[in-house]
Amino acid sequence: MYGGRTELVTLQFEKKLIGSIYDKFGEKTNIGKCGDEYFVAAEVQISPTFWSWLITFKGQMKLTAPDTVIAEYKEWLKDI
């Protein structure tokens, strides 16, 4: 997602966000389900654009891996 290094991340999200996942990563994206939550592994560019997209969902989508990217996200959130 624009201007950063590429990382494989895992996102956990609510069912109502499946359309947003397909919009961002394409309709052939493999989405998994665990209980009531859905998840996806996707390659993204780690950048303010990705962080901004993620924060748009107000806690309905969670970055779950890798730990290094989660730490970067937390630092970015502190800065704003």
N, C-alpha and C. Protein backbone atom coordinates (compact mmCIF):
# COMPACT_ATOMS: atom_id res chain seq x y z
N MET A 1 0.82 -1.19 0.00
CA MET A 1 0.00 0.00 0.00
C MET A 1 0.86 1.25 0.00
N TYR A 2 1.60 1.49 -1.01
CA TYR A 2 2.21 2.77 -1.31
C TYR A 2 3.41 3.19 -0.47
N GLY A 3 4.57 2.95 -1.00
CA GLY A 3 5.76 3.60 -0.53
C GLY A 3 6.47 3.05 0.67
N GLY A 4 6.32 1.82 1.01
CA GLY A 4 7.04 1.24 2.13
C GLY A 4 7.52 -0.15 1.77
N ARG A 5 8.22 -0.76 2.72
CA ARG A 5 8.69 -2.12 2.47
C ARG A 5 7.49 -3.09 2.48
N THR A 6 7.62 -4.15 1.76
CA THR A 6 6.53 -5.13 1.67
C THR A 6 6.66 -6.15 2.80
N GLU A 7 5.55 -6.42 3.45
CA GLU A 7 5.48 -7.40 4.54
C GLU A 7 4.22 -8.23 4.37
N LEU A 8 4.31 -9.49 4.78
CA LEU A 8 3.13 -10.34 4.86
C LEU A 8 2.53 -10.14 6.24
N VAL A 9 1.30 -9.64 6.29
CA VAL A 9 0.63 -9.39 7.56
C VAL A 9 -0.62 -10.25 7.65
N THR A 10 -1.07 -10.46 8.87
CA THR A 10 -2.33 -11.16 9.11
C THR A 10 -3.29 -10.17 9.75
N LEU A 11 -4.48 -10.12 9.20
CA LEU A 11 -5.53 -9.23 9.70
C LEU A 11 -6.71 -10.07 10.16
N GLN A 12 -7.28 -9.71 11.29
CA GLN A 12 -8.49 -10.35 11.80
C GLN A 12 -9.59 -9.31 11.76
N PHE A 13 -10.78 -9.71 11.32
CA PHE A 13 -11.83 -8.71 11.11
C PHE A 13 -13.22 -9.33 11.23
N GLU A 14 -14.19 -8.45 11.34
CA GLU A 14 -15.59 -8.86 11.41
C GLU A 14 -16.12 -9.18 10.01
N LYS A 15 -17.13 -10.02 9.96
CA LYS A 15 -17.70 -10.46 8.69
C LYS A 15 -18.12 -9.29 7.80
N LYS A 16 -18.63 -8.23 8.39
CA LYS A 16 -19.13 -7.11 7.59
C LYS A 16 -18.02 -6.40 6.81
N LEU A 17 -16.74 -6.72 7.10
CA LEU A 17 -15.63 -6.09 6.41
C LEU A 17 -15.06 -6.92 5.26
N ILE A 18 -15.69 -8.04 4.97
CA ILE A 18 -15.21 -8.89 3.86
C ILE A 18 -15.15 -8.09 2.56
N GLY A 19 -16.13 -7.28 2.29
CA GLY A 19 -16.14 -6.47 1.07
C GLY A 19 -14.95 -5.52 1.02
N SER A 20 -14.60 -4.94 2.16
CA SER A 20 -13.44 -4.04 2.21
C SER A 20 -12.15 -4.79 1.94
N ILE A 21 -12.06 -6.02 2.42
CA ILE A 21 -10.88 -6.85 2.15
C ILE A 21 -10.79 -7.15 0.66
N TYR A 22 -11.90 -7.56 0.06
CA TYR A 22 -11.89 -7.83 -1.39
C TYR A 22 -11.58 -6.57 -2.19
N ASP A 23 -12.11 -5.43 -1.76
CA ASP A 23 -11.82 -4.17 -2.46
C ASP A 23 -10.33 -3.87 -2.44
N LYS A 24 -9.68 -4.10 -1.32
CA LYS A 24 -8.28 -3.75 -1.16
C LYS A 24 -7.34 -4.78 -1.77
N PHE A 25 -7.64 -6.07 -1.60
CA PHE A 25 -6.70 -7.12 -1.99
C PHE A 25 -7.16 -7.97 -3.17
N GLY A 26 -8.36 -7.76 -3.64
CA GLY A 26 -8.88 -8.51 -4.78
C GLY A 26 -9.82 -9.62 -4.38
N GLU A 27 -10.73 -9.95 -5.28
CA GLU A 27 -11.77 -10.94 -4.99
C GLU A 27 -11.26 -12.37 -4.92
N LYS A 28 -10.04 -12.61 -5.35
CA LYS A 28 -9.46 -13.96 -5.24
C LYS A 28 -8.70 -14.15 -3.93
N THR A 29 -8.76 -13.17 -3.04
CA THR A 29 -8.09 -13.25 -1.75
C THR A 29 -8.72 -14.36 -0.92
N ASN A 30 -7.87 -15.19 -0.33
CA ASN A 30 -8.35 -16.28 0.53
C ASN A 30 -8.63 -15.74 1.92
N ILE A 31 -9.88 -15.87 2.33
CA ILE A 31 -10.30 -15.43 3.65
C ILE A 31 -10.61 -16.67 4.48
N GLY A 32 -10.07 -16.71 5.69
CA GLY A 32 -10.33 -17.82 6.60
C GLY A 32 -11.31 -17.39 7.68
N LYS A 33 -11.82 -18.38 8.41
CA LYS A 33 -12.76 -18.11 9.49
C LYS A 33 -12.36 -18.93 10.71
N CYS A 34 -12.41 -18.28 11.87
CA CYS A 34 -12.14 -18.94 13.14
C CYS A 34 -13.19 -18.43 14.13
N GLY A 35 -14.14 -19.26 14.46
CA GLY A 35 -15.24 -18.82 15.32
C GLY A 35 -16.06 -17.77 14.60
N ASP A 36 -16.26 -16.63 15.24
CA ASP A 36 -17.03 -15.53 14.64
C ASP A 36 -16.14 -14.54 13.90
N GLU A 37 -14.83 -14.76 13.93
CA GLU A 37 -13.90 -13.82 13.31
C GLU A 37 -13.36 -14.37 11.99
N TYR A 38 -13.00 -13.46 11.13
CA TYR A 38 -12.42 -13.80 9.83
C TYR A 38 -10.98 -13.29 9.81
N PHE A 39 -10.17 -13.91 8.97
CA PHE A 39 -8.78 -13.48 8.89
C PHE A 39 -8.26 -13.64 7.48
N VAL A 40 -7.20 -12.88 7.20
CA VAL A 40 -6.56 -12.93 5.89
C VAL A 40 -5.07 -12.67 6.09
N ALA A 41 -4.26 -13.32 5.30
CA ALA A 41 -2.83 -13.01 5.21
C ALA A 41 -2.64 -12.31 3.88
N ALA A 42 -2.01 -11.14 3.91
CA ALA A 42 -1.86 -10.35 2.70
C ALA A 42 -0.54 -9.60 2.72
N GLU A 43 0.04 -9.42 1.54
CA GLU A 43 1.24 -8.60 1.43
C GLU A 43 0.82 -7.15 1.29
N VAL A 44 1.41 -6.32 2.12
CA VAL A 44 1.14 -4.88 2.09
C VAL A 44 2.45 -4.12 2.17
N GLN A 45 2.41 -2.88 1.77
CA GLN A 45 3.55 -2.00 1.96
C GLN A 45 3.32 -1.26 3.27
N ILE A 46 4.26 -1.41 4.18
CA ILE A 46 4.15 -0.77 5.49
C ILE A 46 4.42 0.72 5.32
N SER A 47 3.37 1.51 5.53
CA SER A 47 3.46 2.94 5.29
C SER A 47 2.30 3.64 6.00
N PRO A 48 2.36 4.95 6.11
CA PRO A 48 1.23 5.69 6.69
C PRO A 48 -0.09 5.41 5.96
N THR A 49 -0.02 5.13 4.69
CA THR A 49 -1.25 4.82 3.94
C THR A 49 -1.89 3.54 4.45
N PHE A 50 -1.07 2.52 4.71
CA PHE A 50 -1.61 1.27 5.26
C PHE A 50 -2.16 1.51 6.67
N TRP A 51 -1.40 2.20 7.51
CA TRP A 51 -1.87 2.47 8.87
C TRP A 51 -3.21 3.22 8.83
N SER A 52 -3.32 4.20 7.95
CA SER A 52 -4.54 4.99 7.84
C SER A 52 -5.72 4.14 7.40
N TRP A 53 -5.47 3.24 6.45
CA TRP A 53 -6.53 2.34 6.00
C TRP A 53 -6.98 1.47 7.15
N LEU A 54 -6.05 0.93 7.91
CA LEU A 54 -6.37 0.04 9.02
C LEU A 54 -7.17 0.76 10.11
N ILE A 55 -6.78 1.97 10.43
CA ILE A 55 -7.45 2.71 11.49
C ILE A 55 -8.87 3.12 11.11
N THR A 56 -9.15 3.15 9.81
CA THR A 56 -10.49 3.50 9.32
C THR A 56 -11.57 2.61 9.92
N PHE A 57 -11.22 1.38 10.28
CA PHE A 57 -12.22 0.41 10.72
C PHE A 57 -12.48 0.44 12.23
N LYS A 58 -11.87 1.38 12.94
CA LYS A 58 -12.19 1.66 14.35
C LYS A 58 -12.28 0.41 15.21
N GLY A 59 -11.26 -0.43 15.15
CA GLY A 59 -11.23 -1.61 16.01
C GLY A 59 -11.95 -2.83 15.47
N GLN A 60 -12.60 -2.70 14.34
CA GLN A 60 -13.29 -3.84 13.75
C GLN A 60 -12.34 -4.73 12.94
N MET A 61 -11.13 -4.22 12.73
CA MET A 61 -10.09 -4.98 12.04
C MET A 61 -8.83 -4.86 12.88
N LYS A 62 -8.15 -5.99 13.07
CA LYS A 62 -7.00 -6.02 13.95
C LYS A 62 -5.81 -6.63 13.23
N LEU A 63 -4.67 -5.99 13.36
CA LEU A 63 -3.41 -6.52 12.86
C LEU A 63 -2.93 -7.56 13.87
N THR A 64 -2.75 -8.81 13.45
CA THR A 64 -2.40 -9.88 14.39
C THR A 64 -1.00 -10.46 14.18
N ALA A 65 -0.35 -10.14 13.09
CA ALA A 65 1.01 -10.64 12.85
C ALA A 65 1.61 -9.89 11.67
N PRO A 66 2.91 -9.79 11.61
CA PRO A 66 3.93 -10.24 12.57
C PRO A 66 4.10 -9.23 13.71
N ASP A 67 4.72 -9.68 14.78
CA ASP A 67 4.90 -8.85 15.96
C ASP A 67 5.67 -7.57 15.67
N THR A 68 6.64 -7.63 14.77
CA THR A 68 7.43 -6.43 14.46
C THR A 68 6.56 -5.34 13.83
N VAL A 69 5.64 -5.74 12.99
CA VAL A 69 4.74 -4.77 12.34
C VAL A 69 3.72 -4.24 13.35
N ILE A 70 3.25 -5.11 14.23
CA ILE A 70 2.33 -4.67 15.29
C ILE A 70 3.00 -3.60 16.15
N ALA A 71 4.26 -3.80 16.50
CA ALA A 71 5.01 -2.82 17.30
C ALA A 71 5.13 -1.49 16.55
N GLU A 72 5.40 -1.55 15.25
CA GLU A 72 5.48 -0.32 14.45
C GLU A 72 4.14 0.41 14.43
N TYR A 73 3.07 -0.35 14.28
CA TYR A 73 1.73 0.23 14.26
C TYR A 73 1.44 0.94 15.58
N LYS A 74 1.78 0.30 16.70
CA LYS A 74 1.55 0.90 18.01
C LYS A 74 2.34 2.20 18.16
N GLU A 75 3.57 2.21 17.66
CA GLU A 75 4.38 3.42 17.73
C GLU A 75 3.76 4.53 16.87
N TRP A 76 3.27 4.17 15.69
CA TRP A 76 2.62 5.14 14.82
C TRP A 76 1.40 5.73 15.50
N LEU A 77 0.61 4.86 16.16
CA LEU A 77 -0.57 5.34 16.86
C LEU A 77 -0.21 6.29 17.99
N LYS A 78 0.88 6.02 18.69
CA LYS A 78 1.34 6.92 19.77
C LYS A 78 1.67 8.28 19.20
N ASP A 79 2.29 8.29 18.04
CA ASP A 79 2.72 9.55 17.41
C ASP A 79 1.54 10.43 16.98
N ILE A 80 0.41 9.80 16.68
CA ILE A 80 -0.72 10.62 16.25
C ILE A 80 -1.57 10.99 17.45
